[in-house]
Protein backbone atom coordinates (compact mmCIF):
# COMPACT_ATOMS: atom_id res chain seq x y z
CA UNK A 1 320.74 -117.65 134.90
CA UNK A 2 321.30 -119.70 131.73
CA UNK A 3 319.27 -122.57 133.17
CA UNK A 4 316.40 -120.22 133.94
CA UNK A 5 316.50 -118.71 130.44
CA UNK A 6 316.45 -122.17 128.82
CA UNK A 7 313.51 -123.21 130.99
CA UNK A 8 311.59 -120.07 130.02
CA UNK A 9 312.38 -120.62 126.33
CA UNK A 10 311.26 -124.25 126.50
CA UNK A 11 308.01 -123.20 128.18
CA UNK A 12 307.31 -120.58 125.52
CA UNK A 13 307.99 -122.98 122.65
CA UNK A 14 305.90 -125.76 124.15
CA UNK A 15 302.96 -123.38 124.50
CA UNK A 16 302.69 -123.33 120.70
CA UNK A 17 301.62 -126.99 120.52
CA UNK A 18 299.06 -128.99 122.45
CA UNK A 19 298.90 -132.78 122.05
CA UNK A 20 296.56 -135.34 123.54
CA UNK A 21 297.40 -138.87 122.45
CA UNK A 22 296.92 -142.45 123.52
CA UNK A 23 299.68 -145.03 123.61
CA UNK A 24 299.38 -147.55 120.77
CA UNK A 25 297.34 -150.57 121.94
CA UNK A 26 299.44 -152.85 119.74
CA UNK A 27 302.81 -152.64 118.04
CA UNK A 28 302.07 -151.05 114.68
CA UNK A 29 303.68 -152.84 111.76
CA UNK A 30 305.24 -150.39 109.33
CA UNK A 31 305.67 -153.19 106.78
CA UNK A 32 301.93 -153.95 106.73
CA UNK A 33 299.58 -152.59 104.08
CA UNK A 34 298.13 -149.24 105.13
CA UNK A 35 295.23 -147.15 103.84
CA UNK A 36 295.05 -143.38 103.89
CA UNK A 37 291.37 -142.77 104.60
CA UNK A 38 289.49 -139.46 104.46
CA UNK A 39 290.39 -136.63 106.76
CA UNK A 40 287.12 -134.84 107.29
CA UNK A 41 286.89 -131.08 107.22
CA UNK A 42 285.10 -129.54 110.20
CA UNK A 43 286.40 -126.04 109.53
CA UNK A 44 285.16 -123.09 107.53
CA UNK A 45 288.16 -123.42 105.21
CA UNK A 46 287.23 -125.14 101.95
CA UNK A 47 289.09 -128.39 101.22
CA UNK A 48 291.15 -128.33 104.43
CA UNK A 49 290.60 -132.09 104.74
CA UNK A 50 292.04 -132.73 101.28
CA UNK A 51 295.05 -130.54 102.07
CA UNK A 52 295.63 -132.44 105.31
CA UNK A 53 295.39 -135.76 103.43
CA UNK A 54 298.17 -134.70 101.05
CA UNK A 55 300.41 -133.76 103.98
CA UNK A 56 299.48 -136.96 105.83
CA UNK A 57 300.53 -139.08 102.87
CA UNK A 58 303.98 -137.47 102.91
CA UNK A 59 304.27 -137.89 106.70
CA UNK A 60 303.33 -141.57 106.56
CA UNK A 61 305.79 -142.29 103.76
CA UNK A 62 308.53 -140.40 105.61
CA UNK A 63 307.73 -142.50 108.70
CA UNK A 64 308.56 -145.65 106.74
CA UNK A 65 305.10 -146.71 105.58
CA UNK A 66 305.91 -147.86 102.05
CA UNK A 67 302.77 -149.92 101.34
CA UNK A 68 300.28 -147.09 101.48
CA UNK A 69 297.15 -146.83 99.37
CA UNK A 70 294.83 -143.85 99.19
CA UNK A 71 291.10 -144.43 99.16
CA UNK A 72 289.49 -143.96 95.71
CA UNK A 73 288.86 -140.32 94.83
CA UNK A 74 285.31 -141.16 93.74
CA UNK A 75 284.45 -141.74 97.41
CA UNK A 76 285.24 -138.16 98.41
CA UNK A 77 282.50 -135.70 97.58
CA UNK A 78 284.14 -132.68 99.26
CA UNK A 79 283.67 -129.57 97.18
CA UNK A 80 284.08 -125.91 97.93
CA UNK A 81 280.48 -125.67 99.09
CA UNK A 82 279.55 -129.12 100.44
CA UNK A 83 281.67 -130.61 103.23
CA UNK A 84 282.50 -134.31 103.33
CA UNK A 85 280.23 -136.47 105.45
CA UNK A 86 280.86 -139.42 107.75
CA UNK A 87 279.35 -141.80 105.20
CA UNK A 88 282.36 -141.15 102.98
CA UNK A 89 284.67 -142.19 105.81
CA UNK A 90 282.64 -145.36 106.38
CA UNK A 91 282.67 -146.18 102.65
CA UNK A 92 286.44 -145.66 102.51
CA UNK A 93 286.96 -147.96 105.53
CA UNK A 94 284.80 -150.61 103.87
CA UNK A 95 286.85 -150.26 100.66
CA UNK A 96 290.13 -150.65 102.59
CA UNK A 97 288.84 -153.74 104.39
CA UNK A 98 287.76 -155.28 101.08
CA UNK A 99 291.27 -154.68 99.74
CA UNK A 100 292.73 -156.64 102.66
CA UNK A 101 294.66 -153.68 104.03
CA UNK A 102 295.78 -153.88 107.67
CA UNK A 103 295.68 -150.33 109.07
CA UNK A 104 293.64 -147.28 108.18
CA UNK A 105 294.61 -143.73 109.07
CA UNK A 106 291.74 -141.26 109.23
CA UNK A 107 290.94 -138.05 111.01
CA UNK A 108 289.29 -134.68 111.22
CA UNK A 109 290.59 -131.17 110.71
CA UNK A 110 289.15 -128.91 113.40
CA UNK A 111 291.11 -125.73 112.65
CA UNK A 112 292.91 -124.57 109.51
CA UNK A 113 293.41 -120.84 109.27
CA UNK A 114 295.55 -117.81 109.80
CA UNK A 115 294.67 -115.98 113.00
CA UNK A 116 293.18 -112.54 112.64
CA UNK A 117 295.50 -109.75 113.64
CA UNK A 118 298.71 -108.00 112.78
CA UNK A 119 300.89 -111.11 112.86
CA UNK A 120 298.42 -113.53 111.27
CA UNK A 121 299.93 -116.69 112.77
CA UNK A 122 298.92 -120.02 111.21
CA UNK A 123 296.72 -122.18 113.44
CA UNK A 124 295.97 -125.88 112.87
CA UNK A 125 293.93 -128.39 114.85
CA UNK A 126 293.52 -132.08 114.00
CA UNK A 127 292.35 -135.41 115.33
CA UNK A 128 293.85 -138.61 113.91
CA UNK A 129 293.22 -142.27 114.49
CA UNK A 130 294.71 -145.53 113.32
CA UNK A 131 292.27 -148.41 112.96
CA UNK A 132 293.07 -152.11 112.67
CA UNK A 133 290.94 -152.88 109.63
CA UNK A 134 290.81 -156.61 110.41
CA UNK A 135 288.70 -156.09 113.52
CA UNK A 136 287.63 -152.41 113.32
CA UNK A 137 289.39 -151.54 116.60
CA UNK A 138 290.96 -148.10 116.98
CA UNK A 139 294.52 -148.92 118.05
CA UNK A 140 295.76 -145.34 118.43
CA UNK A 141 294.23 -141.89 118.53
CA UNK A 142 295.54 -138.44 119.00
CA UNK A 143 294.53 -134.83 118.70
CA UNK A 144 296.48 -131.66 118.74
CA UNK A 145 296.65 -128.01 117.94
CA UNK A 146 299.58 -125.95 116.82
CA UNK A 147 300.19 -122.31 116.06
CA UNK A 148 303.11 -121.08 114.07
CA UNK A 149 304.89 -117.79 113.96
CA UNK A 150 303.86 -114.88 111.77
CA UNK A 151 306.21 -115.77 108.90
CA UNK A 152 305.43 -119.50 108.86
CA UNK A 153 303.11 -121.15 106.38
CA UNK A 154 299.90 -122.91 107.30
CA UNK A 155 300.95 -126.12 105.55
CA UNK A 156 304.34 -126.10 107.32
CA UNK A 157 302.63 -125.74 110.68
CA UNK A 158 300.22 -128.56 109.80
CA UNK A 159 303.10 -130.80 108.69
CA UNK A 160 304.87 -130.26 112.03
CA UNK A 161 301.69 -131.14 113.93
CA UNK A 162 301.13 -134.30 111.86
CA UNK A 163 304.72 -135.42 112.42
CA UNK A 164 304.39 -134.85 116.19
CA UNK A 165 301.15 -136.81 116.31
CA UNK A 166 302.56 -139.71 114.28
CA UNK A 167 305.68 -139.83 116.40
CA UNK A 168 303.51 -140.38 119.48
CA UNK A 169 301.97 -143.37 117.66
CA UNK A 170 305.40 -144.93 117.35
CA UNK A 171 305.77 -143.88 113.70
CA UNK A 172 308.82 -141.67 113.31
């Protein structure tokens, strides 16, 4: 009976997160110089990409990436009314390459909201990729979605999703 209960509990908890990731194509060097590139906002929530970037920076540093540089703020034109565009991401990648940085972490926020209803659970969806800036090759990519419980915060749910995605890239 206990085994059955644990299996049911594990199934319920795993239903809260969906991940789709690729295995890293190369061994990622934590000691290399990394760039935090724009995380684009494809949601209706203003500045969700900027919020995700702040959380991503913390996740990368906690994963042992100590040589991390953020792209210049002047490259991001995201405002409350005008979403960021792909050109910004391309400009940030070009900047990182010019700086001689090795890896770039970028992505897209696809969901960032509290669900409608009595419980109002937080729901987050993201796509991330790590690019080798020396040759422009994407060496890892992943996407995922996570819902939290009614008393959890949106940023806490997003942080958990980011950590799960990065752990599948070999960054823990």
